[in-house]
N, C-alpha and C. Protein backbone atom coordinates (compact mmCIF):
# COMPACT_ATOMS: atom_id res chain seq x y z
N MET A 1 85.88 -26.85 -47.10
CA MET A 1 85.50 -26.01 -48.22
C MET A 1 86.74 -25.69 -49.05
N HIS A 2 86.57 -25.77 -50.33
CA HIS A 2 87.63 -25.40 -51.24
C HIS A 2 87.48 -23.92 -51.60
N THR A 3 88.58 -23.33 -52.01
CA THR A 3 88.58 -21.92 -52.34
C THR A 3 87.58 -21.60 -53.45
N TYR A 4 87.56 -22.44 -54.48
CA TYR A 4 86.65 -22.17 -55.59
C TYR A 4 85.19 -22.24 -55.14
N GLU A 5 84.87 -23.11 -54.17
CA GLU A 5 83.50 -23.18 -53.66
C GLU A 5 83.13 -21.89 -52.93
N CYS A 6 84.07 -21.38 -52.16
CA CYS A 6 83.83 -20.12 -51.44
C CYS A 6 83.62 -18.97 -52.42
N ILE A 7 84.46 -18.93 -53.43
CA ILE A 7 84.34 -17.85 -54.42
C ILE A 7 83.01 -17.95 -55.15
N LEU A 8 82.63 -19.14 -55.56
CA LEU A 8 81.36 -19.33 -56.24
C LEU A 8 80.19 -18.98 -55.33
N ALA A 9 80.25 -19.34 -54.06
CA ALA A 9 79.19 -19.00 -53.12
C ALA A 9 79.07 -17.49 -52.95
N VAL A 10 80.20 -16.80 -52.87
CA VAL A 10 80.18 -15.34 -52.77
C VAL A 10 79.55 -14.73 -54.01
N VAL A 11 79.92 -15.23 -55.17
CA VAL A 11 79.36 -14.71 -56.42
C VAL A 11 77.84 -14.94 -56.46
N LEU A 12 77.41 -16.11 -56.06
CA LEU A 12 75.98 -16.41 -56.07
C LEU A 12 75.20 -15.51 -55.10
N LEU A 13 75.75 -15.29 -53.92
CA LEU A 13 75.04 -14.51 -52.91
C LEU A 13 75.09 -13.01 -53.14
N THR A 14 76.14 -12.53 -53.77
CA THR A 14 76.29 -11.08 -53.94
C THR A 14 75.79 -10.58 -55.29
N ALA A 15 75.28 -11.47 -56.11
CA ALA A 15 74.69 -11.03 -57.38
C ALA A 15 73.53 -10.09 -57.07
N PRO A 16 73.23 -9.17 -57.96
CA PRO A 16 72.11 -8.24 -57.70
C PRO A 16 70.83 -9.00 -57.39
N LYS A 17 70.11 -8.51 -56.40
CA LYS A 17 68.90 -9.22 -55.98
C LYS A 17 67.82 -9.20 -57.05
N GLU A 18 67.88 -8.23 -57.97
CA GLU A 18 66.90 -8.15 -59.04
C GLU A 18 67.18 -9.17 -60.14
N GLN A 19 68.41 -9.64 -60.19
CA GLN A 19 68.80 -10.58 -61.23
C GLN A 19 68.22 -11.96 -60.93
N PRO A 20 67.37 -12.47 -61.82
CA PRO A 20 66.79 -13.79 -61.54
C PRO A 20 67.84 -14.88 -61.64
N ALA A 21 67.70 -15.87 -60.81
CA ALA A 21 68.62 -17.00 -60.84
C ALA A 21 68.23 -17.91 -62.01
N ALA A 22 69.20 -18.34 -62.75
CA ALA A 22 68.94 -19.22 -63.90
C ALA A 22 68.47 -20.58 -63.41
N PRO A 23 67.46 -21.14 -64.07
CA PRO A 23 66.94 -22.45 -63.65
C PRO A 23 68.01 -23.54 -63.62
N GLU A 24 69.05 -23.41 -64.46
CA GLU A 24 70.11 -24.42 -64.49
C GLU A 24 70.92 -24.44 -63.19
N LEU A 25 70.78 -23.42 -62.37
CA LEU A 25 71.54 -23.33 -61.13
C LEU A 25 71.05 -24.30 -60.06
N GLY A 26 69.86 -24.83 -60.22
CA GLY A 26 69.26 -25.69 -59.20
C GLY A 26 70.17 -26.79 -58.71
N ASP A 27 70.75 -27.57 -59.63
CA ASP A 27 71.64 -28.66 -59.24
C ASP A 27 72.91 -28.12 -58.59
N TRP A 28 73.43 -27.01 -59.11
CA TRP A 28 74.62 -26.40 -58.53
C TRP A 28 74.35 -25.95 -57.10
N LEU A 29 73.19 -25.38 -56.89
CA LEU A 29 72.85 -24.89 -55.55
C LEU A 29 72.81 -26.03 -54.54
N HIS A 30 72.24 -27.15 -54.93
CA HIS A 30 72.20 -28.28 -54.01
C HIS A 30 73.61 -28.80 -53.73
N ALA A 31 74.46 -28.80 -54.74
CA ALA A 31 75.84 -29.25 -54.54
C ALA A 31 76.63 -28.26 -53.69
N MET A 32 76.30 -26.99 -53.83
CA MET A 32 77.01 -25.92 -53.11
C MET A 32 76.35 -25.58 -51.77
N ARG A 33 75.29 -26.26 -51.43
CA ARG A 33 74.49 -25.94 -50.24
C ARG A 33 75.32 -25.72 -48.99
N PRO A 34 76.21 -26.63 -48.61
CA PRO A 34 76.96 -26.41 -47.35
C PRO A 34 77.78 -25.12 -47.38
N THR A 35 78.40 -24.82 -48.50
CA THR A 35 79.24 -23.62 -48.60
C THR A 35 78.39 -22.36 -48.59
N ILE A 36 77.29 -22.37 -49.32
CA ILE A 36 76.41 -21.20 -49.37
C ILE A 36 75.83 -20.92 -47.98
N LEU A 37 75.37 -21.95 -47.32
CA LEU A 37 74.78 -21.76 -46.00
C LEU A 37 75.82 -21.34 -44.96
N ALA A 38 77.03 -21.88 -45.07
CA ALA A 38 78.10 -21.47 -44.15
C ALA A 38 78.42 -19.99 -44.33
N LEU A 39 78.46 -19.55 -45.57
CA LEU A 39 78.73 -18.14 -45.84
C LEU A 39 77.57 -17.27 -45.35
N ALA A 40 76.34 -17.73 -45.57
CA ALA A 40 75.16 -16.98 -45.10
C ALA A 40 75.15 -16.86 -43.57
N LEU A 41 75.54 -17.91 -42.89
CA LEU A 41 75.64 -17.86 -41.43
C LEU A 41 76.72 -16.88 -40.99
N GLU A 42 77.87 -16.96 -41.64
CA GLU A 42 78.99 -16.09 -41.29
C GLU A 42 78.65 -14.62 -41.54
N ASP A 43 77.90 -14.35 -42.60
CA ASP A 43 77.52 -12.98 -42.92
C ASP A 43 76.29 -12.51 -42.15
N GLU A 44 75.78 -13.36 -41.28
CA GLU A 44 74.63 -13.05 -40.42
C GLU A 44 73.40 -12.63 -41.22
N ILE A 45 73.14 -13.37 -42.31
CA ILE A 45 71.91 -13.16 -43.06
C ILE A 45 70.99 -14.38 -42.92
N LEU A 46 71.45 -15.35 -42.15
CA LEU A 46 70.70 -16.58 -41.95
C LEU A 46 70.89 -17.01 -40.50
N ASP A 47 69.80 -17.39 -39.87
CA ASP A 47 69.87 -17.89 -38.50
C ASP A 47 70.12 -19.39 -38.53
N PRO A 48 70.89 -19.92 -37.60
CA PRO A 48 71.13 -21.37 -37.58
C PRO A 48 69.85 -22.20 -37.58
N ARG A 49 68.78 -21.66 -37.01
CA ARG A 49 67.52 -22.40 -36.97
C ARG A 49 66.82 -22.46 -38.33
N GLU A 50 67.31 -21.67 -39.29
CA GLU A 50 66.73 -21.68 -40.63
C GLU A 50 67.45 -22.63 -41.58
N LEU A 51 68.55 -23.20 -41.15
CA LEU A 51 69.39 -24.03 -42.04
C LEU A 51 68.61 -25.13 -42.75
N SER A 52 67.76 -25.82 -42.04
CA SER A 52 67.08 -26.96 -42.65
C SER A 52 66.06 -26.55 -43.70
N PHE A 53 65.70 -25.28 -43.74
CA PHE A 53 64.69 -24.81 -44.69
C PHE A 53 65.28 -24.28 -45.99
N PHE A 54 66.53 -23.89 -45.99
CA PHE A 54 67.12 -23.24 -47.15
C PHE A 54 67.86 -24.23 -48.04
N ILE A 55 67.56 -24.15 -49.32
CA ILE A 55 68.17 -24.98 -50.36
C ILE A 55 68.06 -26.46 -49.97
N ALA A 56 66.94 -26.80 -49.42
CA ALA A 56 66.70 -28.18 -48.99
C ALA A 56 66.21 -29.01 -50.17
N ALA A 57 66.44 -30.29 -50.09
CA ALA A 57 65.97 -31.20 -51.13
C ALA A 57 64.45 -31.10 -51.24
N GLY A 58 63.97 -30.98 -52.45
CA GLY A 58 62.54 -30.88 -52.67
C GLY A 58 61.99 -29.48 -52.48
N GLY A 59 62.84 -28.54 -52.10
CA GLY A 59 62.40 -27.17 -51.90
C GLY A 59 62.66 -26.31 -53.12
N ASP A 60 62.42 -25.04 -52.98
CA ASP A 60 62.63 -24.08 -54.06
C ASP A 60 64.01 -23.45 -53.90
N ALA A 61 65.03 -24.11 -54.42
CA ALA A 61 66.41 -23.65 -54.26
C ALA A 61 66.62 -22.28 -54.89
N LEU A 62 66.02 -22.04 -56.05
CA LEU A 62 66.19 -20.74 -56.71
C LEU A 62 65.50 -19.63 -55.90
N GLY A 63 64.35 -19.93 -55.35
CA GLY A 63 63.68 -18.96 -54.49
C GLY A 63 64.47 -18.68 -53.23
N ASP A 64 65.07 -19.73 -52.68
CA ASP A 64 65.91 -19.55 -51.49
C ASP A 64 67.12 -18.70 -51.80
N LEU A 65 67.72 -18.91 -52.98
CA LEU A 65 68.87 -18.10 -53.38
C LEU A 65 68.45 -16.64 -53.51
N THR A 66 67.29 -16.41 -54.10
CA THR A 66 66.79 -15.04 -54.23
C THR A 66 66.59 -14.41 -52.85
N THR A 67 66.04 -15.16 -51.93
CA THR A 67 65.85 -14.66 -50.56
C THR A 67 67.19 -14.29 -49.92
N LEU A 68 68.17 -15.16 -50.07
CA LEU A 68 69.50 -14.88 -49.50
C LEU A 68 70.16 -13.69 -50.17
N ARG A 69 69.98 -13.54 -51.48
CA ARG A 69 70.52 -12.37 -52.18
C ARG A 69 69.87 -11.09 -51.66
N CYS A 70 68.57 -11.13 -51.48
CA CYS A 70 67.87 -9.95 -50.95
C CYS A 70 68.38 -9.61 -49.56
N ARG A 71 68.54 -10.62 -48.73
CA ARG A 71 69.06 -10.37 -47.39
C ARG A 71 70.48 -9.82 -47.44
N MET A 72 71.29 -10.37 -48.33
CA MET A 72 72.67 -9.91 -48.45
C MET A 72 72.69 -8.42 -48.80
N ALA A 73 71.84 -8.04 -49.74
CA ALA A 73 71.79 -6.62 -50.14
C ALA A 73 71.18 -5.76 -49.03
N ASP A 74 70.10 -6.24 -48.43
CA ASP A 74 69.41 -5.45 -47.41
C ASP A 74 70.22 -5.27 -46.13
N PHE A 75 71.08 -6.23 -45.82
CA PHE A 75 71.85 -6.16 -44.57
C PHE A 75 73.29 -5.70 -44.79
N ALA A 76 73.59 -5.20 -45.98
CA ALA A 76 74.96 -4.79 -46.29
C ALA A 76 75.49 -3.74 -45.31
N ASP A 77 74.66 -2.80 -44.92
CA ASP A 77 75.12 -1.72 -44.04
C ASP A 77 74.52 -1.79 -42.64
N VAL A 78 74.00 -2.95 -42.28
CA VAL A 78 73.36 -3.13 -40.98
C VAL A 78 74.42 -3.58 -39.97
N PRO A 79 74.37 -3.04 -38.75
CA PRO A 79 75.34 -3.45 -37.73
C PRO A 79 75.34 -4.96 -37.50
N ARG A 80 76.49 -5.47 -37.15
CA ARG A 80 76.66 -6.90 -36.86
C ARG A 80 76.20 -7.19 -35.42
N LEU A 81 75.90 -8.44 -35.16
CA LEU A 81 75.43 -8.83 -33.83
C LEU A 81 76.47 -8.61 -32.73
N SER A 82 77.71 -8.60 -33.09
CA SER A 82 78.76 -8.39 -32.08
C SER A 82 78.59 -7.03 -31.38
N GLU A 83 77.90 -6.10 -32.04
CA GLU A 83 77.69 -4.79 -31.44
C GLU A 83 76.69 -4.84 -30.28
N CYS A 84 75.95 -5.92 -30.16
CA CYS A 84 75.02 -6.06 -29.04
C CYS A 84 75.74 -6.09 -27.70
N ARG A 85 77.00 -6.51 -27.72
CA ARG A 85 77.75 -6.58 -26.46
C ARG A 85 77.93 -5.21 -25.82
N ARG A 86 77.82 -4.15 -26.60
CA ARG A 86 77.96 -2.80 -26.05
C ARG A 86 76.68 -2.32 -25.37
N LEU A 87 75.60 -3.04 -25.56
CA LEU A 87 74.32 -2.63 -25.01
C LEU A 87 74.15 -3.18 -23.59
N PRO A 88 73.29 -2.54 -22.80
CA PRO A 88 73.04 -3.06 -21.44
C PRO A 88 72.46 -4.48 -21.50
N ASP A 89 72.54 -5.17 -20.37
CA ASP A 89 72.00 -6.53 -20.33
C ASP A 89 70.47 -6.49 -20.27
N ARG A 90 69.87 -7.64 -20.51
CA ARG A 90 68.40 -7.73 -20.59
C ARG A 90 67.71 -7.31 -19.30
N LYS A 91 68.30 -7.63 -18.16
CA LYS A 91 67.67 -7.26 -16.90
C LYS A 91 67.58 -5.73 -16.78
N ALA A 92 68.67 -5.05 -17.08
CA ALA A 92 68.67 -3.57 -17.02
C ALA A 92 67.68 -2.99 -18.03
N ILE A 93 67.67 -3.55 -19.22
CA ILE A 93 66.76 -3.05 -20.27
C ILE A 93 65.31 -3.20 -19.81
N ASN A 94 64.97 -4.35 -19.25
CA ASN A 94 63.59 -4.57 -18.78
C ASN A 94 63.22 -3.61 -17.65
N GLU A 95 64.18 -3.31 -16.77
CA GLU A 95 63.92 -2.34 -15.70
C GLU A 95 63.70 -0.95 -16.28
N TYR A 96 64.50 -0.57 -17.29
CA TYR A 96 64.32 0.73 -17.94
C TYR A 96 62.95 0.83 -18.59
N LEU A 97 62.54 -0.25 -19.27
CA LEU A 97 61.24 -0.25 -19.94
C LEU A 97 60.10 -0.21 -18.93
N ALA A 98 60.24 -0.89 -17.82
CA ALA A 98 59.21 -0.85 -16.77
C ALA A 98 59.11 0.55 -16.18
N PHE A 99 60.27 1.18 -15.95
CA PHE A 99 60.27 2.56 -15.44
C PHE A 99 59.61 3.49 -16.44
N ASN A 100 59.89 3.30 -17.72
CA ASN A 100 59.30 4.11 -18.77
C ASN A 100 57.78 3.98 -18.75
N ARG A 101 57.26 2.76 -18.65
CA ARG A 101 55.81 2.56 -18.65
C ARG A 101 55.16 3.12 -17.38
N ALA A 102 55.84 3.00 -16.25
CA ALA A 102 55.31 3.56 -15.00
C ALA A 102 55.25 5.09 -15.09
N TYR A 103 56.31 5.68 -15.66
CA TYR A 103 56.33 7.14 -15.84
C TYR A 103 55.23 7.57 -16.80
N ARG A 104 55.04 6.79 -17.87
CA ARG A 104 53.99 7.12 -18.84
C ARG A 104 52.62 7.05 -18.17
N ASN A 105 52.38 6.03 -17.35
CA ASN A 105 51.10 5.93 -16.65
C ASN A 105 50.88 7.12 -15.73
N ASP A 106 51.94 7.55 -15.06
CA ASP A 106 51.85 8.73 -14.20
C ASP A 106 51.50 9.97 -15.01
N LEU A 107 52.15 10.14 -16.16
CA LEU A 107 51.86 11.29 -17.02
C LEU A 107 50.40 11.25 -17.51
N THR A 108 49.93 10.08 -17.87
CA THR A 108 48.55 9.94 -18.36
C THR A 108 47.55 10.31 -17.26
N THR A 109 47.84 9.87 -16.05
CA THR A 109 46.98 10.21 -14.91
C THR A 109 47.00 11.71 -14.66
N ARG A 110 48.18 12.28 -14.69
CA ARG A 110 48.31 13.73 -14.47
C ARG A 110 47.62 14.53 -15.57
N LEU A 111 47.66 14.03 -16.79
CA LEU A 111 47.02 14.71 -17.91
C LEU A 111 45.50 14.76 -17.72
N SER A 112 44.94 13.71 -17.15
CA SER A 112 43.49 13.69 -16.93
C SER A 112 43.07 14.64 -15.80
N ILE A 113 44.03 15.00 -14.94
CA ILE A 113 43.71 15.86 -13.79
C ILE A 113 44.15 17.30 -14.04
N ALA A 114 45.37 17.50 -14.49
CA ALA A 114 45.97 18.83 -14.60
C ALA A 114 45.86 19.36 -16.02
N ARG A 115 44.72 19.89 -16.36
CA ARG A 115 44.51 20.41 -17.71
C ARG A 115 45.33 21.67 -18.00
N VAL A 116 45.75 22.35 -16.95
CA VAL A 116 46.54 23.58 -17.12
C VAL A 116 47.86 23.27 -17.83
N HIS A 117 48.44 22.13 -17.52
CA HIS A 117 49.73 21.75 -18.09
C HIS A 117 49.59 20.70 -19.18
N ALA A 118 48.46 20.68 -19.84
CA ALA A 118 48.15 19.62 -20.82
C ALA A 118 49.19 19.55 -21.95
N GLU A 119 49.56 20.67 -22.49
CA GLU A 119 50.50 20.64 -23.61
C GLU A 119 51.87 20.11 -23.16
N GLU A 120 52.33 20.57 -22.03
CA GLU A 120 53.60 20.10 -21.49
C GLU A 120 53.56 18.59 -21.21
N LEU A 121 52.46 18.13 -20.68
CA LEU A 121 52.31 16.70 -20.39
C LEU A 121 52.23 15.88 -21.67
N ARG A 122 51.54 16.41 -22.68
CA ARG A 122 51.49 15.70 -23.97
C ARG A 122 52.87 15.60 -24.60
N ASN A 123 53.66 16.66 -24.49
CA ASN A 123 55.04 16.62 -25.00
C ASN A 123 55.86 15.58 -24.25
N ALA A 124 55.69 15.53 -22.93
CA ALA A 124 56.41 14.54 -22.13
C ALA A 124 55.96 13.12 -22.51
N LEU A 125 54.68 12.94 -22.77
CA LEU A 125 54.17 11.63 -23.20
C LEU A 125 54.78 11.22 -24.54
N ALA A 126 54.84 12.16 -25.47
CA ALA A 126 55.42 11.85 -26.79
C ALA A 126 56.89 11.48 -26.66
N ASP A 127 57.62 12.22 -25.84
CA ASP A 127 59.04 11.90 -25.63
C ASP A 127 59.20 10.56 -24.92
N THR A 128 58.32 10.27 -23.99
CA THR A 128 58.36 8.99 -23.27
C THR A 128 58.11 7.84 -24.23
N ASP A 129 57.15 7.99 -25.11
CA ASP A 129 56.87 6.94 -26.10
C ASP A 129 58.03 6.76 -27.08
N ARG A 130 58.64 7.87 -27.47
CA ARG A 130 59.80 7.77 -28.37
C ARG A 130 60.94 7.03 -27.69
N LEU A 131 61.19 7.33 -26.43
CA LEU A 131 62.25 6.64 -25.69
C LEU A 131 61.90 5.16 -25.47
N HIS A 132 60.63 4.88 -25.31
CA HIS A 132 60.23 3.47 -25.19
C HIS A 132 60.57 2.72 -26.48
N SER A 133 60.34 3.35 -27.61
CA SER A 133 60.67 2.72 -28.90
C SER A 133 62.17 2.44 -29.00
N VAL A 134 62.97 3.38 -28.53
CA VAL A 134 64.43 3.19 -28.56
C VAL A 134 64.81 1.99 -27.70
N TRP A 135 64.31 1.96 -26.48
CA TRP A 135 64.69 0.87 -25.56
C TRP A 135 64.04 -0.46 -25.96
N ASP A 136 62.93 -0.41 -26.65
CA ASP A 136 62.34 -1.63 -27.18
C ASP A 136 63.24 -2.22 -28.27
N ALA A 137 63.82 -1.36 -29.10
CA ALA A 137 64.77 -1.83 -30.12
C ALA A 137 66.02 -2.41 -29.46
N VAL A 138 66.47 -1.79 -28.38
CA VAL A 138 67.63 -2.32 -27.64
C VAL A 138 67.29 -3.71 -27.10
N ARG A 139 66.10 -3.86 -26.53
CA ARG A 139 65.69 -5.17 -25.99
C ARG A 139 65.62 -6.22 -27.10
N ASP A 140 65.05 -5.86 -28.23
CA ASP A 140 64.95 -6.82 -29.35
C ASP A 140 66.33 -7.22 -29.86
N ALA A 141 67.24 -6.28 -29.91
CA ALA A 141 68.60 -6.59 -30.37
C ALA A 141 69.31 -7.54 -29.42
N ARG A 142 69.04 -7.42 -28.13
CA ARG A 142 69.69 -8.27 -27.12
C ARG A 142 68.97 -9.60 -26.90
N CYS A 143 67.84 -9.80 -27.53
CA CYS A 143 67.02 -10.99 -27.30
C CYS A 143 67.61 -12.18 -28.06
N ASP A 144 68.28 -13.07 -27.34
CA ASP A 144 68.99 -14.19 -27.95
C ASP A 144 68.09 -15.17 -28.69
N TYR A 145 66.85 -15.27 -28.32
CA TYR A 145 65.99 -16.25 -28.98
C TYR A 145 65.32 -15.69 -30.24
N TYR A 146 65.53 -14.42 -30.58
CA TYR A 146 65.06 -13.89 -31.85
C TYR A 146 66.04 -14.31 -32.95
N TYR A 147 65.53 -14.43 -34.15
CA TYR A 147 66.38 -14.77 -35.29
C TYR A 147 67.42 -13.67 -35.50
N VAL A 148 68.53 -14.06 -36.07
CA VAL A 148 69.63 -13.14 -36.34
C VAL A 148 69.15 -11.94 -37.15
N THR A 149 68.33 -12.18 -38.15
CA THR A 149 67.87 -11.08 -39.01
C THR A 149 67.01 -10.09 -38.23
N VAL A 150 66.19 -10.57 -37.32
CA VAL A 150 65.35 -9.68 -36.51
C VAL A 150 66.23 -8.83 -35.60
N ARG A 151 67.21 -9.45 -34.99
CA ARG A 151 68.10 -8.72 -34.08
C ARG A 151 68.90 -7.66 -34.84
N ARG A 152 69.37 -8.01 -36.03
CA ARG A 152 70.12 -7.02 -36.81
C ARG A 152 69.22 -5.89 -37.29
N GLN A 153 67.97 -6.19 -37.63
CA GLN A 153 67.03 -5.13 -37.99
C GLN A 153 66.80 -4.20 -36.81
N SER A 154 66.78 -4.75 -35.62
CA SER A 154 66.62 -3.92 -34.42
C SER A 154 67.82 -3.01 -34.22
N LEU A 155 69.01 -3.53 -34.51
CA LEU A 155 70.20 -2.69 -34.43
C LEU A 155 70.14 -1.55 -35.46
N ARG A 156 69.67 -1.87 -36.66
CA ARG A 156 69.53 -0.82 -37.68
C ARG A 156 68.55 0.24 -37.21
N LEU A 157 67.40 -0.20 -36.69
CA LEU A 157 66.39 0.72 -36.19
C LEU A 157 66.94 1.57 -35.06
N LEU A 158 67.66 0.96 -34.15
CA LEU A 158 68.26 1.69 -33.04
C LEU A 158 69.21 2.77 -33.56
N ARG A 159 70.06 2.40 -34.51
CA ARG A 159 71.00 3.37 -35.08
C ARG A 159 70.26 4.52 -35.74
N GLU A 160 69.16 4.23 -36.42
CA GLU A 160 68.37 5.29 -37.07
C GLU A 160 67.72 6.21 -36.03
N MET A 161 67.23 5.62 -34.94
CA MET A 161 66.52 6.42 -33.93
C MET A 161 67.45 7.32 -33.13
N VAL A 162 68.62 6.81 -32.77
CA VAL A 162 69.51 7.63 -31.93
C VAL A 162 70.53 8.41 -32.75
N GLY A 163 70.68 8.07 -34.01
CA GLY A 163 71.67 8.72 -34.86
C GLY A 163 72.98 7.94 -34.85
N ALA A 164 73.67 7.98 -35.97
CA ALA A 164 74.89 7.19 -36.12
C ALA A 164 75.96 7.57 -35.09
N ASP A 165 76.13 8.86 -34.86
CA ASP A 165 77.17 9.29 -33.90
C ASP A 165 76.91 8.73 -32.51
N SER A 166 75.69 8.88 -32.03
CA SER A 166 75.35 8.37 -30.69
C SER A 166 75.44 6.85 -30.66
N TYR A 167 74.99 6.21 -31.72
CA TYR A 167 75.00 4.75 -31.76
C TYR A 167 76.43 4.22 -31.67
N TYR A 168 77.32 4.77 -32.50
CA TYR A 168 78.67 4.24 -32.54
C TYR A 168 79.54 4.67 -31.37
N THR A 169 79.13 5.70 -30.64
CA THR A 169 79.87 6.07 -29.44
C THR A 169 79.22 5.47 -28.19
N GLY A 170 78.14 4.73 -28.38
CA GLY A 170 77.50 4.04 -27.27
C GLY A 170 76.71 4.96 -26.35
N GLN A 171 76.23 6.07 -26.86
CA GLN A 171 75.48 7.02 -26.04
C GLN A 171 73.98 6.82 -26.26
N LEU A 172 73.40 6.00 -25.43
CA LEU A 172 71.96 5.77 -25.51
C LEU A 172 71.24 6.80 -24.66
N PRO A 173 70.04 7.16 -25.06
CA PRO A 173 69.27 8.13 -24.26
C PRO A 173 68.77 7.48 -22.97
N PRO A 174 68.32 8.29 -22.03
CA PRO A 174 67.76 7.73 -20.80
C PRO A 174 66.43 7.04 -21.11
N PRO A 175 65.95 6.20 -20.21
CA PRO A 175 64.69 5.50 -20.48
C PRO A 175 63.45 6.39 -20.38
N VAL A 176 63.58 7.52 -19.71
CA VAL A 176 62.49 8.49 -19.61
C VAL A 176 63.06 9.87 -19.93
N PRO A 177 62.22 10.80 -20.37
CA PRO A 177 62.72 12.13 -20.72
C PRO A 177 63.04 12.97 -19.49
N LEU A 178 64.26 12.84 -19.03
CA LEU A 178 64.68 13.55 -17.82
C LEU A 178 64.53 15.05 -17.95
N TRP A 179 64.60 15.58 -19.15
CA TRP A 179 64.50 17.01 -19.38
C TRP A 179 63.11 17.55 -19.02
N HIS A 180 62.14 16.67 -18.86
CA HIS A 180 60.80 17.11 -18.45
C HIS A 180 60.62 17.08 -16.94
N PHE A 181 61.52 16.47 -16.22
CA PHE A 181 61.34 16.32 -14.78
C PHE A 181 61.30 17.66 -14.06
N ALA A 182 62.19 18.56 -14.39
CA ALA A 182 62.22 19.85 -13.68
C ALA A 182 60.94 20.62 -13.91
N SER A 183 60.44 20.60 -15.13
CA SER A 183 59.25 21.37 -15.42
C SER A 183 57.96 20.65 -15.00
N SER A 184 58.04 19.38 -14.71
CA SER A 184 56.84 18.62 -14.37
C SER A 184 56.43 18.78 -12.89
N ARG A 185 57.21 19.50 -12.12
CA ARG A 185 56.89 19.71 -10.70
C ARG A 185 55.77 20.73 -10.51
N ASN A 186 55.42 21.42 -11.57
CA ASN A 186 54.40 22.48 -11.46
C ASN A 186 53.03 21.92 -11.15
């Protein structure tokens, strides 16, 4: 890649997503295809499995450019995949999710029997479901066979659910609401 190709690819990808691509760009896009796609891969807005579909001969190169521009804008502040290394491995995540579902089933059974503690049990169920959503996002982010964009969206969702401070310090919540355990003995 030449420097001017890289600069042109950056300009093409970082243009405002609302700005329509000029029809004259079609031939340029095909000529710049390797550089544009390499930059899209590096910026984690394109999965390697999508390469053959983007700016392909006979395809909609201008539409593909618009898609890449939208992704570039949408993923500007989304965590990179390298942050997945800070998360637990898939085996641990699956065990946490299984424990969460088993605890939820127990709460549901108890709710059908112990009407006296119904409100407390409903609160525990809501917290359990919220924690399941958090750990489901962790699992999706760690799932290697998901597309890069899906995994990065999961990281964004995880950061939103736990808060930026907890996310960046690596403080994930427990898989079940431990704060309900003491009161659930009643």
